C-alpha atoms as a PDB file:
ATOM      1  CA  ALA A   1       0.080  -0.311  -0.185  1.00  0.00           C
ATOM      2  CA  VAL A   2       2.736   2.274   0.721  1.00  0.00           C
ATOM      3  CA  VAL A   3       4.489   1.722  -2.665  1.00  0.00           C
ATOM      4  CA  SER A   4       1.009   2.288  -3.874  1.00  0.00           C
ATOM      5  CA  THR A   5       0.583   5.104  -2.669  1.00  0.00           C
ATOM      6  CA  GLN A   6       4.279   6.453  -2.755  1.00  0.00           C
ATOM      7  CA  SER A   7       3.269   5.904  -6.550  1.00  0.00           C
ATOM      8  CA  THR A   8       0.708   7.831  -6.896  1.00  0.00           C
ATOM      9  CA  PHE A   9       2.450  10.838  -5.200  1.00  0.00           C
ATOM     10  CA  LEU A  10       5.025  10.479  -7.825  1.00  0.00           C
ATOM     11  CA  LEU A  11       2.373  10.525 -11.380  1.00  0.00           C
ATOM     12  CA  TYR A  12       0.351  13.389  -9.111  1.00  0.00           C
ATOM     13  CA  GLU A  13       3.388  15.262  -8.282  1.00  0.00           C
ATOM     14  CA  ALA A  14       4.140  14.285 -12.154  1.00  0.00           C
ATOM     15  CA  VAL A  15       0.633  15.538 -12.999  1.00  0.00           C
ATOM     16  CA  VAL A  16       0.992  18.582 -10.781  1.00  0.00           C
ATOM     17  CA  SER A  17       4.724  19.537 -12.103  1.00  0.00           C
ATOM     18  CA  THR A  18       3.557  19.073 -15.929  1.00  0.00           C
ATOM     19  CA  GLN A  19       0.035  21.135 -15.473  1.00  0.00           C
ATOM     20  CA  SER A  20       2.870  24.184 -13.648  1.00  0.00           C
ATOM     21  CA  THR A  21       4.888  24.407 -16.357  1.00  0.00           C
ATOM     22  CA  GLY A  22       1.310  24.378 -18.711  1.00  0.00           C
ATOM     23  CA  ILE A  23      -0.190  27.011 -16.252  1.00  0.00           C
ATOM     24  CA  ARG A  24       3.745  28.982 -16.509  1.00  0.00           C
ATOM     25  CA  GLU A  25       4.045  28.648 -20.014  1.00  0.00           C
ATOM     26  CA  LEU A  26       0.160  30.138 -20.461  1.00  0.00           C
ATOM     27  CA  VAL A  27       0.863  33.001 -17.689  1.00  0.00           C
ATOM     28  CA  ILE A  28       3.926  34.255 -19.517  1.00  0.00           C
ATOM     29  CA  GLU A  29       1.924  34.104 -23.152  1.00  0.00           C
ATOM     30  CA  ASN A  30      -0.953  36.049 -21.189  1.00  0.00           C
ATOM     31  CA  ASN A  31       2.075  38.576 -20.553  1.00  0.00           C
ATOM     32  CA  GLU A  32       3.159  39.072 -23.566  1.00  0.00           C
ATOM     33  CA  LEU A  33      -0.393  39.439 -24.668  1.00  0.00           C
ATOM     34  CA  LYS A  34      -1.177  42.286 -22.486  1.00  0.00           C
ATOM     35  CA  CYS A  35       1.702  44.045 -23.617  1.00  0.00           C
ATOM     36  CA  ALA A  36       1.235  43.782 -27.282  1.00  0.00           C
ATOM     37  CA  LEU A  37      -2.765  45.112 -26.222  1.00  0.00           C
ATOM     38  CA  ALA A  38      -1.840  47.561 -24.278  1.00  0.00           C
ATOM     39  CA  GLU A  39       0.972  48.412 -27.232  1.00  0.00           C
ATOM     40  CA  TYR A  40      -1.644  48.518 -29.741  1.00  0.00           C
ATOM     41  CA  GLN A  41      -4.181  50.051 -27.649  1.00  0.00           C
ATOM     42  CA  GLU A  42      -1.855  53.180 -27.359  1.00  0.00           C
ATOM     43  CA  THR A  43      -0.963  53.070 -31.175  1.00  0.00           C
ATOM     44  CA  VAL A  44      -4.448  53.751 -31.692  1.00  0.00           C
ATOM     45  CA  GLU A  45      -4.746  56.255 -29.451  1.00  0.00           C
ATOM     46  CA  ILE A  46      -2.299  58.361 -31.002  1.00  0.00           C
ATOM     47  CA  ILE A  47      -3.765  57.468 -34.646  1.00  0.00           C
ATOM     48  CA  MET A  48      -7.100  58.854 -33.304  1.00  0.00           C
ATOM     49  CA  SER A  49      -5.549  61.440 -31.598  1.00  0.00           C
ATOM     50  CA  LYS A  50      -3.771  62.806 -34.474  1.00  0.00           C
ATOM     51  CA  TYR A  51      -6.647  62.281 -36.629  1.00  0.00           C
ATOM     52  CA  ARG A  52      -8.853  64.162 -34.496  1.00  0.00           C
ATOM     53  CA  GLY A  53      -6.593  67.086 -34.510  1.00  0.00           C
ATOM     54  CA  GLN A  54      -6.503  66.534 -38.316  1.00  0.00           C
ATOM     55  CA  MET A  55     -10.043  66.580 -38.699  1.00  0.00           C
ATOM     56  CA  ALA A  56     -10.778  69.604 -36.469  1.00  0.00           C
ATOM     57  CA  ALA A  57      -8.193  71.755 -37.954  1.00  0.00           C
ATOM     58  CA  PHE A  58      -9.668  70.845 -41.592  1.00  0.00           C
ATOM     59  CA  MET A  59     -13.704  71.549 -39.701  1.00  0.00           C
ATOM     60  CA  THR A  60     -11.967  75.360 -38.687  1.00  0.00           C
ATOM     61  CA  LEU A  61     -10.423  75.808 -41.964  1.00  0.00           C
ATOM     62  CA  SER A  62     -13.599  74.620 -44.207  1.00  0.00           C
ATOM     63  CA  ARG A  63     -15.815  76.326 -41.431  1.00  0.00           C
ATOM     64  CA  ASN A  64     -13.629  80.018 -41.998  1.00  0.00           C
ATOM     65  CA  GLN A  65     -12.917  79.610 -45.805  1.00  0.00           C
ATOM     66  CA  GLU A  66     -16.539  78.309 -46.836  1.00  0.00           C
ATOM     67  CA  GLU A  67     -17.818  81.655 -48.061  1.00  0.00           C
ATOM     68  CA  PRO A  68     -14.916  83.236 -49.397  1.00  0.00           C
ATOM     69  CA  VAL A  69     -13.767  80.140 -51.383  1.00  0.00           C
ATOM     70  CA  VAL A  70     -17.473  80.402 -52.965  1.00  0.00           C
ATOM     71  CA  SER A  71     -16.725  84.169 -53.427  1.00  0.00           C
ATOM     72  CA  ASN A  72     -13.590  84.239 -54.777  1.00  0.00           C
ATOM     73  CA  ASN A  73     -14.466  80.948 -57.273  1.00  0.00           C
ATOM     74  CA  GLU A  74     -17.072  83.395 -58.357  1.00  0.00           C
ATOM     75  CA  GLN A  75     -14.887  85.620 -58.643  1.00  0.00           C
ATOM     76  CA  VAL A  76     -12.260  83.716 -60.409  1.00  0.00           C
ATOM     77  CA  LEU A  77     -14.795  82.468 -62.763  1.00  0.00           C
ATOM     78  CA  GLN A  78     -15.805  86.131 -63.466  1.00  0.00           C
ATOM     79  CA  GLU A  79     -12.540  86.956 -64.050  1.00  0.00           C
ATOM     80  CA  TYR A  80     -11.924  84.444 -66.263  1.00  0.00           C
ATOM     81  CA  VAL A  81     -15.203  85.132 -68.266  1.00  0.00           C
ATOM     82  CA  GLU A  82     -14.276  88.403 -68.626  1.00  0.00           C
ATOM     83  CA  LYS A  83     -10.869  87.726 -69.997  1.00  0.00           C
ATOM     84  CA  MET A  84     -12.601  85.398 -72.336  1.00  0.00           C
ATOM     85  CA  THR A  85     -14.614  88.206 -73.030  1.00  0.00           C
ATOM     86  CA  ASP A  86     -11.810  89.981 -74.613  1.00  0.00           C
ATOM     87  CA  LEU A  87      -9.817  87.428 -76.366  1.00  0.00           C
ATOM     88  CA  LEU A  88     -12.920  87.159 -78.029  1.00  0.00           C
ATOM     89  CA  ALA A  89     -13.398  90.487 -79.047  1.00  0.00           C
ATOM     90  CA  ILE A  90      -9.812  90.117 -80.138  1.00  0.00           C
ATOM     91  CA  SER A  91      -9.854  87.935 -82.142  1.00  0.00           C
ATOM     92  CA  ASP A  92     -12.776  89.051 -84.073  1.00  0.00           C
ATOM     93  CA  GLU A  93     -10.519  92.342 -84.428  1.00  0.00           C
ATOM     94  CA  ALA A  94      -8.139  90.159 -85.890  1.00  0.00           C
ATOM     95  CA  VAL A  95     -10.652  88.599 -88.331  1.00  0.00           C
ATOM     96  CA  LYS A  96     -12.004  91.742 -89.552  1.00  0.00           C
ATOM     97  CA  ARG A  97      -8.452  93.416 -89.812  1.00  0.00           C
ATOM     98  CA  ASP A  98      -7.605  90.441 -91.712  1.00  0.00           C
ATOM     99  CA  GLU A  99     -10.417  90.152 -94.565  1.00  0.00           C
ATOM    100  CA  LYS A 100     -10.089  93.521 -94.764  1.00  0.00           C
ATOM    101  CA  MET A 101      -6.606  92.758 -95.457  1.00  0.00           C
ATOM    102  CA  ASP A 102      -7.280  90.569 -98.028  1.00  0.00           C
ATOM    103  CA  HIS A 103     -10.154  92.805 -99.815  1.00  0.00           C
ATOM    104  CA  ASP A 104      -7.739  95.693-100.107  1.00  0.00           C
ATOM    105  CA  ILE A 105      -4.871  93.440-101.669  1.00  0.00           C
ATOM    106  CA  ASP A 106      -7.681  91.768-103.673  1.00  0.00           C
ATOM    107  CA  GLN A 107      -8.509  95.708-104.493  1.00  0.00           C
ATOM    108  CA  GLU A 108      -5.340  96.684-105.799  1.00  0.00           C
ATOM    109  CA  LEU A 109      -3.983  93.520-107.500  1.00  0.00           C
ATOM    110  CA  ALA A 110      -7.378  94.439-109.573  1.00  0.00           C
ATOM    111  CA  ARG A 111      -6.475  98.013-109.962  1.00  0.00           C
ATOM    112  CA  LEU A 112      -2.773  96.552-110.561  1.00  0.00           C
ATOM    113  CA  ARG A 113      -4.454  94.220-113.760  1.00  0.00           C
ATOM    114  CA  TYR A 114      -6.623  96.990-115.284  1.00  0.00           C
ATOM    115  CA  GLU A 115      -3.503  99.552-115.271  1.00  0.00           C
ATOM    116  CA  ASN A 116      -1.539  96.700-116.516  1.00  0.00           C
ATOM    117  CA  LYS A 117      -3.898  95.670-119.283  1.00  0.00           C
ATOM    118  CA  TYR A 118      -4.881  99.482-119.824  1.00  0.00           C
ATOM    119  CA  LEU A 119      -0.768 100.547-120.286  1.00  0.00           C
ATOM    120  CA  ARG A 120      -0.519  97.457-122.800  1.00  0.00           C
ATOM    121  CA  ASP A 121      -3.216  98.278-124.671  1.00  0.00           C
ATOM    122  CA  CYS A 122      -1.538 101.654-125.091  1.00  0.00           C
ATOM    123  CA  LEU A 123       1.537 100.124-125.418  1.00  0.00           C
ATOM    124  CA  LYS A 124       0.308  98.070-128.515  1.00  0.00           C
ATOM    125  CA  ILE A 125      -1.254 101.022-129.933  1.00  0.00           C
ATOM    126  CA  GLY A 126       1.856 103.116-129.668  1.00  0.00           C
ATOM    127  CA  GLN A 127       3.380 100.097-131.971  1.00  0.00           C
ATOM    128  CA  ASN A 128       0.802 100.110-134.418  1.00  0.00           C
ATOM    129  CA  PHE A 129       0.648 103.627-135.476  1.00  0.00           C
ATOM    130  CA  GLY A 130       4.776 103.409-134.650  1.00  0.00           C
ATOM    131  CA  SER A 131       5.246 106.540-132.048  1.00  0.00           C
ATOM    132  CA  ILE A 132       6.460 103.389-129.991  1.00  0.00           C
ATOM    133  CA  ASP A 133       9.683 101.190-131.253  1.00  0.00           C
ATOM    134  CA  ARG A 134       9.124  98.035-130.929  1.00  0.00           C
ATOM    135  CA  ASN A 135      12.369  96.533-129.817  1.00  0.00           C
END
């Protein structure tokens, strides 16, 4: 009975020792997980803090610039429209001047052709009646 009790005790001690080792490993792992969780929570808090700060700054900036941005956009658009109107007027004037120049050149060319024809006719008449030498 003593051997049996002693072997049971040894068996019990071995089981307790094995369980104790397992419990120690679990406690170590649990501590590591607690540290990792605390680190994660700190990181998330830092990120959220920065995000909140940036959003607050953005919202303040948006509220402060909401109306001036709209009126500024309208002003920029109005200036753009005015510039485009000026450019169109300049372009129209350039086209008119170009067309007038083309018309003036055509008229001058027609006048010169008529004058040239008239002078050739005069030359021909003079050559025919002998008042102009044919050489």
